[in-house]
N, C-alpha and C. Protein backbone atom coordinates (compact mmCIF):
# COMPACT_ATOMS: atom_id res chain seq x y z
N MET A 1 13.50 -12.61 -5.28
CA MET A 1 12.81 -11.33 -5.52
C MET A 1 11.48 -11.36 -4.84
N LYS A 2 11.07 -10.24 -4.23
CA LYS A 2 9.83 -10.11 -3.56
C LYS A 2 8.97 -9.10 -4.30
N ILE A 3 7.63 -9.35 -4.23
CA ILE A 3 6.73 -8.49 -5.00
C ILE A 3 5.54 -8.16 -4.15
N LYS A 4 5.21 -6.86 -4.13
CA LYS A 4 3.98 -6.43 -3.47
C LYS A 4 3.05 -5.73 -4.49
N ARG A 5 1.84 -6.17 -4.60
CA ARG A 5 0.90 -5.63 -5.52
C ARG A 5 -0.10 -4.73 -4.80
N PHE A 6 -0.29 -3.52 -5.39
CA PHE A 6 -1.38 -2.65 -4.92
C PHE A 6 -2.33 -2.41 -6.03
N GLU A 7 -3.60 -2.22 -5.71
CA GLU A 7 -4.63 -1.77 -6.72
C GLU A 7 -4.98 -0.36 -6.47
N PHE A 8 -4.66 0.49 -7.43
CA PHE A 8 -4.76 1.92 -7.23
C PHE A 8 -5.69 2.59 -8.31
N ASN A 9 -6.24 3.64 -7.93
CA ASN A 9 -7.14 4.57 -8.74
C ASN A 9 -8.42 3.93 -9.21
N MET A 10 -9.17 4.73 -9.95
CA MET A 10 -10.51 4.40 -10.31
C MET A 10 -10.66 3.36 -11.41
N PHE A 11 -9.53 2.91 -12.01
CA PHE A 11 -9.64 2.09 -13.19
C PHE A 11 -9.82 0.59 -12.91
N PRO A 12 -9.23 -0.09 -11.92
CA PRO A 12 -8.02 0.21 -11.17
C PRO A 12 -6.78 -0.42 -11.77
N VAL A 13 -5.67 0.10 -11.42
CA VAL A 13 -4.37 -0.37 -12.00
C VAL A 13 -3.57 -1.15 -10.90
N ASN A 14 -2.82 -2.13 -11.35
CA ASN A 14 -1.89 -2.85 -10.49
C ASN A 14 -0.56 -2.06 -10.46
N THR A 15 -0.18 -1.63 -9.23
CA THR A 15 1.14 -1.02 -9.04
C THR A 15 1.91 -2.06 -8.23
N TYR A 16 3.18 -2.27 -8.73
CA TYR A 16 4.04 -3.25 -8.06
C TYR A 16 5.25 -2.61 -7.49
N VAL A 17 5.58 -3.06 -6.27
CA VAL A 17 6.90 -2.76 -5.68
C VAL A 17 7.67 -4.11 -5.71
N VAL A 18 8.86 -4.01 -6.32
CA VAL A 18 9.70 -5.19 -6.49
C VAL A 18 11.01 -4.98 -5.83
N TRP A 19 11.45 -5.90 -5.03
CA TRP A 19 12.78 -5.73 -4.31
C TRP A 19 13.40 -7.07 -4.04
N ASP A 20 14.65 -7.01 -3.58
CA ASP A 20 15.38 -8.26 -3.21
C ASP A 20 16.04 -8.09 -1.89
N GLU A 21 16.94 -9.03 -1.58
CA GLU A 21 17.51 -9.11 -0.24
C GLU A 21 18.44 -7.94 0.05
N THR A 22 18.80 -7.14 -0.96
CA THR A 22 19.64 -5.97 -0.73
C THR A 22 18.83 -4.79 -0.23
N GLY A 23 17.51 -4.87 -0.34
CA GLY A 23 16.66 -3.73 -0.02
C GLY A 23 16.46 -2.76 -1.12
N GLU A 24 17.17 -2.90 -2.22
CA GLU A 24 16.92 -2.01 -3.38
C GLU A 24 15.66 -2.45 -4.13
N ALA A 25 14.96 -1.47 -4.65
CA ALA A 25 13.63 -1.73 -5.15
C ALA A 25 13.29 -0.94 -6.40
N ALA A 26 12.30 -1.36 -7.14
CA ALA A 26 11.68 -0.61 -8.24
C ALA A 26 10.22 -0.56 -8.01
N ILE A 27 9.62 0.56 -8.44
CA ILE A 27 8.18 0.72 -8.45
C ILE A 27 7.74 0.69 -9.91
N ILE A 28 6.79 -0.14 -10.24
CA ILE A 28 6.32 -0.35 -11.61
C ILE A 28 4.94 0.18 -11.68
N ASP A 29 4.62 1.08 -12.65
CA ASP A 29 3.32 1.66 -12.94
C ASP A 29 2.63 2.19 -11.66
N PRO A 30 3.18 3.32 -11.15
CA PRO A 30 2.54 3.91 -9.95
C PRO A 30 1.21 4.60 -10.31
N GLY A 31 0.16 3.96 -10.05
CA GLY A 31 -1.19 4.47 -10.36
C GLY A 31 -1.82 5.17 -9.22
N CYS A 32 -1.09 5.44 -8.11
CA CYS A 32 -1.69 6.08 -6.95
C CYS A 32 -2.19 7.45 -7.29
N TYR A 33 -3.49 7.69 -7.15
CA TYR A 33 -4.15 8.93 -7.40
C TYR A 33 -4.69 9.56 -6.13
N TYR A 34 -5.40 8.83 -5.34
CA TYR A 34 -5.94 9.36 -4.10
C TYR A 34 -4.89 9.48 -2.96
N GLN A 35 -5.08 10.37 -2.08
CA GLN A 35 -4.10 10.64 -1.05
C GLN A 35 -3.83 9.35 -0.22
N GLU A 36 -4.90 8.61 0.09
CA GLU A 36 -4.74 7.41 0.95
C GLU A 36 -3.87 6.35 0.16
N GLU A 37 -3.94 6.39 -1.14
CA GLU A 37 -3.14 5.44 -1.97
C GLU A 37 -1.63 5.82 -1.88
N LYS A 38 -1.41 7.10 -1.92
CA LYS A 38 0.00 7.58 -1.83
C LYS A 38 0.55 7.25 -0.48
N VAL A 39 -0.24 7.47 0.57
CA VAL A 39 0.15 7.13 1.93
C VAL A 39 0.53 5.61 2.08
N ALA A 40 -0.41 4.79 1.51
CA ALA A 40 -0.16 3.35 1.63
C ALA A 40 1.12 2.92 0.95
N LEU A 41 1.43 3.47 -0.25
CA LEU A 41 2.66 3.16 -0.90
C LEU A 41 3.87 3.59 -0.12
N LYS A 42 3.81 4.84 0.34
CA LYS A 42 4.93 5.34 1.09
C LYS A 42 5.21 4.60 2.39
N GLU A 43 4.15 4.25 3.11
CA GLU A 43 4.26 3.59 4.34
C GLU A 43 4.83 2.15 4.12
N PHE A 44 4.43 1.50 3.04
CA PHE A 44 4.95 0.18 2.77
C PHE A 44 6.47 0.24 2.52
N VAL A 45 6.88 1.14 1.68
CA VAL A 45 8.29 1.27 1.38
C VAL A 45 9.09 1.61 2.66
N GLU A 46 8.54 2.44 3.50
CA GLU A 46 9.26 2.82 4.72
C GLU A 46 9.35 1.64 5.73
N VAL A 47 8.23 0.90 5.90
CA VAL A 47 8.22 -0.20 6.83
C VAL A 47 9.20 -1.30 6.37
N GLN A 48 9.27 -1.52 5.04
CA GLN A 48 10.23 -2.53 4.52
C GLN A 48 11.66 -2.09 4.44
N LYS A 49 11.80 -0.73 4.74
CA LYS A 49 13.15 -0.10 4.67
C LYS A 49 13.75 -0.28 3.27
N LEU A 50 13.02 -0.02 2.22
CA LEU A 50 13.49 -0.16 0.87
C LEU A 50 14.12 1.10 0.33
N GLN A 51 15.04 0.95 -0.60
CA GLN A 51 15.66 2.04 -1.30
C GLN A 51 15.18 2.00 -2.75
N VAL A 52 14.31 2.91 -3.14
CA VAL A 52 13.72 2.88 -4.45
C VAL A 52 14.74 3.45 -5.44
N LYS A 53 15.12 2.59 -6.39
CA LYS A 53 16.12 2.97 -7.35
C LYS A 53 15.53 3.29 -8.77
N HIS A 54 14.29 2.73 -9.03
CA HIS A 54 13.77 2.92 -10.38
C HIS A 54 12.28 3.18 -10.27
N LEU A 55 11.78 4.03 -11.20
CA LEU A 55 10.35 4.24 -11.41
C LEU A 55 10.13 3.73 -12.88
N LEU A 56 9.46 2.56 -13.00
CA LEU A 56 9.36 1.94 -14.27
C LEU A 56 7.92 2.01 -14.81
N ASN A 57 7.71 2.40 -16.04
CA ASN A 57 6.44 2.41 -16.65
C ASN A 57 6.34 1.41 -17.79
N THR A 58 5.39 0.45 -17.72
CA THR A 58 5.20 -0.44 -18.84
C THR A 58 4.72 0.29 -20.09
N HIS A 59 3.95 1.35 -19.90
CA HIS A 59 3.51 2.24 -20.96
C HIS A 59 3.03 3.49 -20.30
N LEU A 60 2.63 4.51 -21.07
CA LEU A 60 2.39 5.80 -20.52
C LEU A 60 0.89 6.26 -20.66
N HIS A 61 -0.05 5.27 -20.62
CA HIS A 61 -1.39 5.68 -20.54
C HIS A 61 -1.71 6.26 -19.17
N LEU A 62 -2.69 7.13 -19.17
CA LEU A 62 -2.98 7.93 -17.96
C LEU A 62 -3.08 7.13 -16.65
N ASP A 63 -3.77 5.97 -16.71
CA ASP A 63 -4.02 5.23 -15.45
C ASP A 63 -2.75 4.64 -14.85
N HIS A 64 -1.72 4.55 -15.70
CA HIS A 64 -0.48 3.95 -15.23
C HIS A 64 0.54 4.92 -14.77
N ILE A 65 0.32 6.25 -15.02
CA ILE A 65 1.31 7.27 -14.74
C ILE A 65 0.85 8.34 -13.76
N CYS A 66 -0.40 8.28 -13.31
CA CYS A 66 -0.89 9.39 -12.49
C CYS A 66 -0.18 9.53 -11.16
N GLY A 67 0.54 8.45 -10.70
CA GLY A 67 1.27 8.51 -9.52
C GLY A 67 2.77 8.86 -9.74
N ASN A 68 3.15 9.03 -10.98
CA ASN A 68 4.57 9.32 -11.28
C ASN A 68 5.09 10.50 -10.54
N PRO A 69 4.33 11.68 -10.59
CA PRO A 69 4.95 12.85 -9.87
C PRO A 69 5.15 12.59 -8.41
N PHE A 70 4.28 11.88 -7.74
CA PHE A 70 4.43 11.61 -6.32
C PHE A 70 5.66 10.70 -6.09
N VAL A 71 5.83 9.68 -6.86
CA VAL A 71 7.00 8.78 -6.70
C VAL A 71 8.32 9.53 -6.98
N GLU A 72 8.27 10.36 -8.00
CA GLU A 72 9.52 11.09 -8.37
C GLU A 72 9.94 12.00 -7.26
N LYS A 73 8.98 12.71 -6.64
CA LYS A 73 9.35 13.65 -5.59
C LYS A 73 9.67 12.98 -4.26
N THR A 74 8.98 11.87 -3.98
CA THR A 74 9.17 11.20 -2.70
C THR A 74 10.50 10.49 -2.64
N TRP A 75 10.88 9.87 -3.69
CA TRP A 75 12.12 9.03 -3.66
C TRP A 75 13.21 9.54 -4.64
N ASN A 76 13.02 10.75 -5.17
CA ASN A 76 14.07 11.35 -6.03
C ASN A 76 14.48 10.44 -7.15
N VAL A 77 13.52 9.91 -7.85
CA VAL A 77 13.82 9.11 -9.04
C VAL A 77 13.05 9.65 -10.20
N LYS A 78 13.44 9.32 -11.42
CA LYS A 78 12.79 9.78 -12.64
C LYS A 78 12.16 8.54 -13.38
N SER A 79 11.12 8.81 -14.11
CA SER A 79 10.44 7.73 -14.75
C SER A 79 11.29 7.22 -15.93
N GLU A 80 11.12 5.84 -16.19
CA GLU A 80 11.79 5.19 -17.33
C GLU A 80 10.71 4.47 -18.09
N ALA A 81 10.75 4.68 -19.38
CA ALA A 81 9.75 4.08 -20.30
C ALA A 81 10.25 4.13 -21.71
N ASN A 82 9.46 3.57 -22.63
CA ASN A 82 9.83 3.67 -24.06
C ASN A 82 9.36 4.99 -24.64
N GLU A 83 10.19 5.62 -25.41
CA GLU A 83 9.88 7.00 -25.90
C GLU A 83 8.73 7.00 -26.89
N LEU A 84 8.37 5.89 -27.45
CA LEU A 84 7.27 5.88 -28.43
C LEU A 84 5.94 6.20 -27.76
N ASP A 85 5.88 6.19 -26.47
CA ASP A 85 4.64 6.55 -25.76
C ASP A 85 4.62 7.92 -25.21
N GLU A 86 5.67 8.71 -25.45
CA GLU A 86 5.79 10.03 -24.81
C GLU A 86 4.55 10.96 -25.07
N TYR A 87 4.00 10.81 -26.27
CA TYR A 87 2.86 11.75 -26.59
C TYR A 87 1.68 11.49 -25.62
N TRP A 88 1.59 10.31 -24.99
CA TRP A 88 0.50 10.08 -24.08
C TRP A 88 0.70 10.91 -22.77
N VAL A 89 1.94 11.30 -22.42
CA VAL A 89 2.10 12.16 -21.28
C VAL A 89 1.51 13.52 -21.51
N GLU A 90 1.74 14.05 -22.72
CA GLU A 90 1.12 15.33 -23.06
C GLU A 90 -0.42 15.28 -23.10
N GLU A 91 -0.94 14.10 -23.39
CA GLU A 91 -2.38 13.97 -23.49
C GLU A 91 -3.06 13.71 -22.16
N ALA A 92 -2.27 13.47 -21.10
CA ALA A 92 -2.83 13.07 -19.81
C ALA A 92 -3.82 14.04 -19.26
N PRO A 93 -3.59 15.33 -19.24
CA PRO A 93 -4.62 16.22 -18.66
C PRO A 93 -5.97 16.14 -19.41
N LYS A 94 -5.91 16.11 -20.74
CA LYS A 94 -7.11 16.05 -21.56
C LYS A 94 -7.82 14.70 -21.33
N GLN A 95 -7.08 13.65 -21.21
CA GLN A 95 -7.62 12.31 -20.98
C GLN A 95 -8.33 12.29 -19.60
N SER A 96 -7.70 12.82 -18.58
CA SER A 96 -8.34 12.87 -17.27
C SER A 96 -9.66 13.61 -17.29
N ARG A 97 -9.71 14.74 -18.02
CA ARG A 97 -10.97 15.50 -18.03
C ARG A 97 -12.04 14.74 -18.76
N MET A 98 -11.67 13.92 -19.77
CA MET A 98 -12.62 13.09 -20.45
C MET A 98 -13.26 12.11 -19.52
N PHE A 99 -12.51 11.64 -18.55
CA PHE A 99 -12.99 10.67 -17.60
C PHE A 99 -13.60 11.35 -16.36
N GLY A 100 -13.64 12.68 -16.29
CA GLY A 100 -14.34 13.37 -15.25
C GLY A 100 -13.52 13.63 -13.98
N PHE A 101 -12.24 13.66 -14.09
CA PHE A 101 -11.41 14.04 -12.94
C PHE A 101 -10.20 14.83 -13.38
N ALA A 102 -9.55 15.47 -12.49
CA ALA A 102 -8.37 16.32 -12.78
C ALA A 102 -7.12 15.76 -12.17
N LEU A 103 -6.02 15.88 -12.90
CA LEU A 103 -4.71 15.54 -12.31
C LEU A 103 -4.21 16.68 -11.41
N SER A 104 -3.72 16.37 -10.27
CA SER A 104 -3.18 17.38 -9.37
C SER A 104 -1.86 17.92 -9.95
N GLU A 105 -1.19 17.16 -10.75
CA GLU A 105 0.12 17.54 -11.32
C GLU A 105 0.32 16.84 -12.64
N GLN A 106 0.89 17.58 -13.60
CA GLN A 106 1.19 17.02 -14.89
C GLN A 106 2.37 16.03 -14.79
N PRO A 107 2.22 14.77 -15.24
CA PRO A 107 3.40 13.90 -15.24
C PRO A 107 4.45 14.39 -16.21
N ALA A 108 5.71 14.10 -15.86
CA ALA A 108 6.83 14.47 -16.77
C ALA A 108 7.17 13.38 -17.71
N PRO A 109 7.68 13.75 -18.88
CA PRO A 109 8.17 12.71 -19.81
C PRO A 109 9.22 11.85 -19.15
N PRO A 110 9.42 10.63 -19.65
CA PRO A 110 10.47 9.77 -19.05
C PRO A 110 11.85 10.35 -19.20
N SER A 111 12.69 10.21 -18.23
CA SER A 111 14.02 10.75 -18.33
C SER A 111 15.01 9.77 -18.91
N LEU A 112 14.62 8.47 -18.93
CA LEU A 112 15.47 7.43 -19.51
C LEU A 112 14.58 6.58 -20.42
N HIS A 113 15.02 6.38 -21.64
CA HIS A 113 14.26 5.60 -22.62
C HIS A 113 14.72 4.15 -22.58
N LEU A 114 13.75 3.29 -22.46
CA LEU A 114 14.05 1.79 -22.36
C LEU A 114 13.67 1.15 -23.67
N HIS A 115 14.66 0.47 -24.30
CA HIS A 115 14.46 -0.19 -25.57
C HIS A 115 14.45 -1.69 -25.42
N ASP A 116 14.00 -2.35 -26.43
CA ASP A 116 13.98 -3.80 -26.45
C ASP A 116 15.42 -4.43 -26.19
N GLY A 117 15.49 -5.27 -25.18
CA GLY A 117 16.78 -5.90 -24.85
C GLY A 117 17.49 -5.20 -23.79
N ALA A 118 17.09 -3.99 -23.39
CA ALA A 118 17.76 -3.30 -22.27
C ALA A 118 17.63 -4.04 -20.94
N MET A 119 18.50 -3.85 -20.01
CA MET A 119 18.42 -4.45 -18.72
C MET A 119 18.33 -3.41 -17.63
N VAL A 120 17.35 -3.52 -16.81
CA VAL A 120 17.16 -2.71 -15.63
C VAL A 120 17.67 -3.49 -14.38
N THR A 121 18.63 -2.86 -13.68
CA THR A 121 19.21 -3.62 -12.55
C THR A 121 19.03 -2.82 -11.23
N PHE A 122 18.85 -3.53 -10.16
CA PHE A 122 18.84 -3.02 -8.81
C PHE A 122 19.12 -4.11 -7.87
N GLY A 123 20.01 -3.87 -6.88
CA GLY A 123 20.43 -4.93 -6.00
C GLY A 123 20.98 -6.09 -6.83
N ASN A 124 20.51 -7.28 -6.57
CA ASN A 124 20.92 -8.48 -7.34
C ASN A 124 19.91 -8.83 -8.45
N THR A 125 18.97 -7.96 -8.70
CA THR A 125 17.87 -8.22 -9.62
C THR A 125 18.11 -7.63 -11.00
N LYS A 126 17.75 -8.38 -12.03
CA LYS A 126 17.84 -7.90 -13.44
C LYS A 126 16.47 -8.08 -14.07
N LEU A 127 16.01 -7.02 -14.71
CA LEU A 127 14.75 -7.05 -15.44
C LEU A 127 15.12 -6.78 -16.90
N GLU A 128 14.75 -7.70 -17.75
CA GLU A 128 14.93 -7.50 -19.21
C GLU A 128 13.75 -6.76 -19.80
N VAL A 129 13.99 -5.79 -20.61
CA VAL A 129 12.95 -5.01 -21.29
C VAL A 129 12.59 -5.75 -22.63
N ILE A 130 11.32 -6.04 -22.79
CA ILE A 130 10.82 -6.64 -23.97
C ILE A 130 9.78 -5.75 -24.58
N HIS A 131 10.02 -5.21 -25.74
CA HIS A 131 9.11 -4.27 -26.42
C HIS A 131 8.03 -5.07 -27.14
N VAL A 132 6.80 -4.82 -26.75
CA VAL A 132 5.63 -5.55 -27.31
C VAL A 132 4.60 -4.47 -27.65
N PRO A 133 4.69 -3.82 -28.81
CA PRO A 133 3.73 -2.80 -29.15
C PRO A 133 2.36 -3.40 -29.56
N GLY A 134 1.39 -2.59 -29.71
CA GLY A 134 0.05 -3.02 -30.10
C GLY A 134 -1.06 -2.49 -29.28
N HIS A 135 -0.81 -2.51 -27.92
CA HIS A 135 -1.71 -1.83 -27.04
C HIS A 135 -1.42 -0.34 -27.10
N SER A 136 -0.19 -0.02 -27.08
CA SER A 136 0.34 1.34 -27.34
C SER A 136 1.70 1.14 -28.06
N PRO A 137 2.14 2.15 -28.79
CA PRO A 137 3.40 1.95 -29.56
C PRO A 137 4.62 1.61 -28.69
N GLY A 138 4.61 2.16 -27.44
CA GLY A 138 5.79 1.95 -26.60
C GLY A 138 5.60 0.96 -25.49
N SER A 139 4.59 0.09 -25.54
CA SER A 139 4.40 -0.89 -24.50
C SER A 139 5.60 -1.83 -24.34
N ILE A 140 6.05 -1.95 -23.10
CA ILE A 140 7.16 -2.84 -22.78
C ILE A 140 6.78 -3.74 -21.62
N VAL A 141 7.40 -4.92 -21.58
CA VAL A 141 7.25 -5.91 -20.53
C VAL A 141 8.57 -5.99 -19.81
N PHE A 142 8.54 -6.18 -18.46
CA PHE A 142 9.72 -6.38 -17.66
C PHE A 142 9.78 -7.85 -17.28
N TYR A 143 10.86 -8.54 -17.73
CA TYR A 143 10.94 -10.00 -17.53
C TYR A 143 12.16 -10.28 -16.66
N CYS A 144 11.90 -11.11 -15.60
CA CYS A 144 13.01 -11.55 -14.69
C CYS A 144 13.20 -12.99 -14.90
N HIS A 145 14.29 -13.35 -15.57
CA HIS A 145 14.59 -14.78 -15.87
C HIS A 145 14.79 -15.58 -14.54
N GLU A 146 15.53 -14.99 -13.60
CA GLU A 146 15.86 -15.71 -12.44
C GLU A 146 14.61 -16.06 -11.53
N ALA A 147 13.66 -15.06 -11.52
CA ALA A 147 12.51 -15.20 -10.75
C ALA A 147 11.32 -15.85 -11.51
N HIS A 148 11.53 -16.12 -12.76
CA HIS A 148 10.51 -16.77 -13.60
C HIS A 148 9.21 -15.95 -13.58
N CYS A 149 9.30 -14.65 -13.85
CA CYS A 149 8.09 -13.82 -13.84
C CYS A 149 8.26 -12.61 -14.75
N MET A 150 7.17 -12.00 -15.11
CA MET A 150 7.19 -10.76 -15.88
C MET A 150 6.11 -9.87 -15.44
N PHE A 151 6.28 -8.58 -15.71
CA PHE A 151 5.30 -7.52 -15.46
C PHE A 151 4.84 -7.04 -16.85
N SER A 152 3.57 -7.40 -17.22
CA SER A 152 3.23 -7.34 -18.61
C SER A 152 2.45 -6.07 -18.91
N GLY A 153 2.22 -5.18 -17.95
CA GLY A 153 1.40 -4.01 -18.29
C GLY A 153 0.06 -4.35 -18.80
N ASP A 154 -0.32 -3.69 -19.91
CA ASP A 154 -1.58 -3.99 -20.55
C ASP A 154 -1.39 -4.78 -21.83
N VAL A 155 -0.31 -5.50 -21.96
CA VAL A 155 -0.07 -6.34 -23.09
C VAL A 155 -0.84 -7.64 -22.96
N LEU A 156 -0.71 -8.35 -21.84
CA LEU A 156 -1.32 -9.67 -21.66
C LEU A 156 -1.98 -9.76 -20.32
N PHE A 157 -3.21 -10.20 -20.30
CA PHE A 157 -3.98 -10.42 -19.04
C PHE A 157 -4.36 -11.90 -18.86
N GLN A 158 -4.90 -12.19 -17.75
CA GLN A 158 -5.48 -13.50 -17.55
C GLN A 158 -6.72 -13.60 -18.43
N GLY A 159 -6.64 -14.40 -19.47
CA GLY A 159 -7.78 -14.66 -20.38
C GLY A 159 -8.03 -13.58 -21.34
N SER A 160 -7.12 -12.59 -21.50
CA SER A 160 -7.37 -11.48 -22.38
C SER A 160 -6.07 -10.83 -22.80
N ILE A 161 -6.20 -9.81 -23.63
CA ILE A 161 -5.06 -9.03 -24.06
C ILE A 161 -5.49 -7.52 -23.92
N GLY A 162 -4.51 -6.63 -24.14
CA GLY A 162 -4.80 -5.23 -24.02
C GLY A 162 -5.62 -4.71 -25.21
N ARG A 163 -6.33 -3.65 -24.93
CA ARG A 163 -7.10 -3.00 -26.03
C ARG A 163 -6.11 -2.59 -27.15
N ALA A 164 -6.58 -2.73 -28.37
CA ALA A 164 -5.79 -2.27 -29.50
C ALA A 164 -6.51 -1.16 -30.27
N ASP A 165 -7.61 -0.64 -29.73
CA ASP A 165 -8.41 0.35 -30.45
C ASP A 165 -8.12 1.77 -30.05
N LEU A 166 -7.09 1.99 -29.14
CA LEU A 166 -6.72 3.31 -28.75
C LEU A 166 -5.72 3.86 -29.73
N ALA A 167 -5.45 5.17 -29.69
CA ALA A 167 -4.50 5.79 -30.59
C ALA A 167 -3.16 5.07 -30.53
N GLY A 168 -2.62 4.72 -31.72
CA GLY A 168 -1.38 4.07 -31.75
C GLY A 168 -1.40 2.52 -31.55
N GLY A 169 -2.59 2.01 -31.33
CA GLY A 169 -2.75 0.57 -31.13
C GLY A 169 -2.90 -0.18 -32.39
N ASN A 170 -2.55 -1.50 -32.37
CA ASN A 170 -2.69 -2.28 -33.56
C ASN A 170 -2.86 -3.76 -33.14
N PHE A 171 -4.06 -4.33 -33.38
CA PHE A 171 -4.41 -5.68 -32.96
C PHE A 171 -3.41 -6.74 -33.47
N ASP A 172 -3.16 -6.74 -34.76
CA ASP A 172 -2.26 -7.75 -35.37
C ASP A 172 -0.87 -7.65 -34.74
N THR A 173 -0.41 -6.41 -34.59
CA THR A 173 0.93 -6.21 -34.02
C THR A 173 0.99 -6.76 -32.60
N LEU A 174 -0.06 -6.55 -31.85
CA LEU A 174 -0.06 -7.01 -30.47
C LEU A 174 -0.12 -8.55 -30.41
N ILE A 175 -0.92 -9.18 -31.21
CA ILE A 175 -0.98 -10.64 -31.25
C ILE A 175 0.35 -11.25 -31.65
N ASP A 176 0.94 -10.65 -32.68
CA ASP A 176 2.23 -11.17 -33.17
C ASP A 176 3.31 -11.05 -32.12
N GLY A 177 3.29 -9.91 -31.41
CA GLY A 177 4.36 -9.69 -30.37
C GLY A 177 4.19 -10.62 -29.22
N ILE A 178 2.99 -10.84 -28.77
CA ILE A 178 2.81 -11.82 -27.72
C ILE A 178 3.25 -13.18 -28.08
N CYS A 179 2.87 -13.62 -29.27
CA CYS A 179 3.26 -14.94 -29.73
C CYS A 179 4.78 -15.08 -29.91
N SER A 180 5.41 -14.10 -30.51
CA SER A 180 6.81 -14.22 -30.86
C SER A 180 7.76 -13.89 -29.75
N LYS A 181 7.32 -13.05 -28.76
CA LYS A 181 8.21 -12.62 -27.68
C LYS A 181 7.88 -13.13 -26.30
N LEU A 182 6.60 -13.37 -26.06
CA LEU A 182 6.22 -13.81 -24.69
C LEU A 182 5.94 -15.32 -24.65
N PHE A 183 5.21 -15.82 -25.65
CA PHE A 183 4.88 -17.23 -25.62
C PHE A 183 6.04 -18.17 -25.87
N VAL A 184 7.22 -17.65 -26.20
CA VAL A 184 8.43 -18.45 -26.35
C VAL A 184 9.08 -18.62 -25.01
N LEU A 185 8.67 -17.92 -23.97
CA LEU A 185 9.23 -18.04 -22.60
C LEU A 185 8.67 -19.32 -21.94
N PRO A 186 9.30 -19.78 -20.83
CA PRO A 186 8.86 -20.97 -20.20
C PRO A 186 7.41 -20.91 -19.77
N ASN A 187 6.71 -21.99 -19.81
CA ASN A 187 5.26 -22.07 -19.43
C ASN A 187 5.07 -21.62 -18.02
N GLU A 188 5.98 -21.93 -17.15
CA GLU A 188 5.81 -21.61 -15.72
C GLU A 188 6.02 -20.11 -15.38
N THR A 189 6.38 -19.32 -16.36
CA THR A 189 6.61 -17.89 -16.10
C THR A 189 5.34 -17.26 -15.64
N ILE A 190 5.37 -16.64 -14.44
CA ILE A 190 4.25 -15.93 -13.86
C ILE A 190 4.11 -14.53 -14.53
N VAL A 191 2.87 -14.24 -14.93
CA VAL A 191 2.60 -13.00 -15.55
C VAL A 191 1.85 -12.07 -14.55
N TYR A 192 2.43 -10.94 -14.21
CA TYR A 192 1.85 -9.97 -13.34
C TYR A 192 1.32 -8.85 -14.27
N PRO A 193 0.04 -8.76 -14.53
CA PRO A 193 -0.50 -7.82 -15.47
C PRO A 193 -0.80 -6.43 -14.86
N GLY A 194 -1.14 -5.50 -15.73
CA GLY A 194 -1.45 -4.16 -15.28
C GLY A 194 -2.82 -4.04 -14.65
N HIS A 195 -3.73 -5.02 -14.89
CA HIS A 195 -5.03 -5.04 -14.30
C HIS A 195 -5.32 -6.52 -13.99
N GLY A 196 -6.01 -6.76 -12.91
CA GLY A 196 -6.49 -8.11 -12.65
C GLY A 196 -5.45 -9.00 -11.99
N ALA A 197 -5.82 -10.34 -11.97
CA ALA A 197 -5.02 -11.28 -11.26
C ALA A 197 -3.86 -11.82 -12.07
N PRO A 198 -2.80 -12.38 -11.37
CA PRO A 198 -1.72 -12.99 -12.12
C PRO A 198 -2.11 -14.24 -12.87
N THR A 199 -1.31 -14.60 -13.82
CA THR A 199 -1.56 -15.84 -14.57
C THR A 199 -0.16 -16.43 -14.94
N THR A 200 -0.12 -17.35 -15.90
CA THR A 200 1.17 -17.88 -16.34
C THR A 200 1.14 -17.92 -17.87
N ILE A 201 2.32 -17.97 -18.38
CA ILE A 201 2.45 -18.07 -19.85
C ILE A 201 1.76 -19.43 -20.29
N GLY A 202 1.98 -20.49 -19.58
CA GLY A 202 1.40 -21.75 -20.02
C GLY A 202 -0.13 -21.70 -20.02
N ALA A 203 -0.71 -21.07 -18.98
CA ALA A 203 -2.14 -20.98 -18.92
C ALA A 203 -2.70 -20.17 -20.06
N GLU A 204 -2.03 -19.08 -20.43
CA GLU A 204 -2.50 -18.22 -21.48
C GLU A 204 -2.39 -18.86 -22.84
N LYS A 205 -1.32 -19.61 -23.12
CA LYS A 205 -1.17 -20.34 -24.35
C LYS A 205 -2.23 -21.35 -24.48
N ALA A 206 -2.66 -21.98 -23.43
CA ALA A 206 -3.67 -23.07 -23.48
C ALA A 206 -5.12 -22.54 -23.41
N GLU A 207 -5.37 -21.45 -22.75
CA GLU A 207 -6.72 -21.06 -22.44
C GLU A 207 -7.17 -19.71 -22.95
N ASN A 208 -6.26 -18.78 -23.23
CA ASN A 208 -6.66 -17.46 -23.63
C ASN A 208 -7.38 -17.53 -24.95
N PRO A 209 -8.64 -17.01 -25.00
CA PRO A 209 -9.45 -17.22 -26.29
C PRO A 209 -8.91 -16.44 -27.43
N PHE A 210 -8.01 -15.48 -27.21
CA PHE A 210 -7.41 -14.77 -28.40
C PHE A 210 -6.41 -15.63 -29.13
N PHE A 211 -6.01 -16.77 -28.51
CA PHE A 211 -4.95 -17.55 -29.12
C PHE A 211 -5.37 -19.01 -29.34
N ARG A 212 -6.62 -19.35 -29.06
CA ARG A 212 -7.13 -20.69 -29.27
C ARG A 212 -7.54 -20.85 -30.73
N ARG A 213 -7.05 -21.86 -31.35
CA ARG A 213 -7.30 -22.10 -32.79
C ARG A 213 -8.44 -23.14 -32.95
């Protein structure tokens, strides 16, 4: 499996293009807001000759979905996410105004709901959906056993965890979910977060201050 990371928008968000030897691909958390970001994403997909099969959202906070309409129109795909976050789609215009900018287009609710244990497939790649609420009610992680990696959204970061003080967040639920669902995975599992640099499960178990006793 191959992975390309982009940093998009003013927050900034990690957007991932994931593909394998078949050329089939998924785009995870398209945060492209500015025109040049949309161009960069489109040109990369075209140069690599990829067939985009999935638009995956780890959760539906504004910064992770502002590029959804562009991806949906460009590659004729619909967003896939957990339905417990759908209310954040309705809140997106108000949230953008709070941050001092406007969305050019209202993101649509996800067309496919992804639940804990579901499998997303494209080409020869399988991503397992792991539901880890706490940052948001519908936060999910995409885990690839074969490639020993995960896309953690805003659940787990290098040296930190997602905020739990937003609507629908819960600190204890987030901590419990990380410990029971993510820290049981192999230590060498690479964590590709929604913001910042990659890390590993082993490093976070040993060094993340939220879990040091």
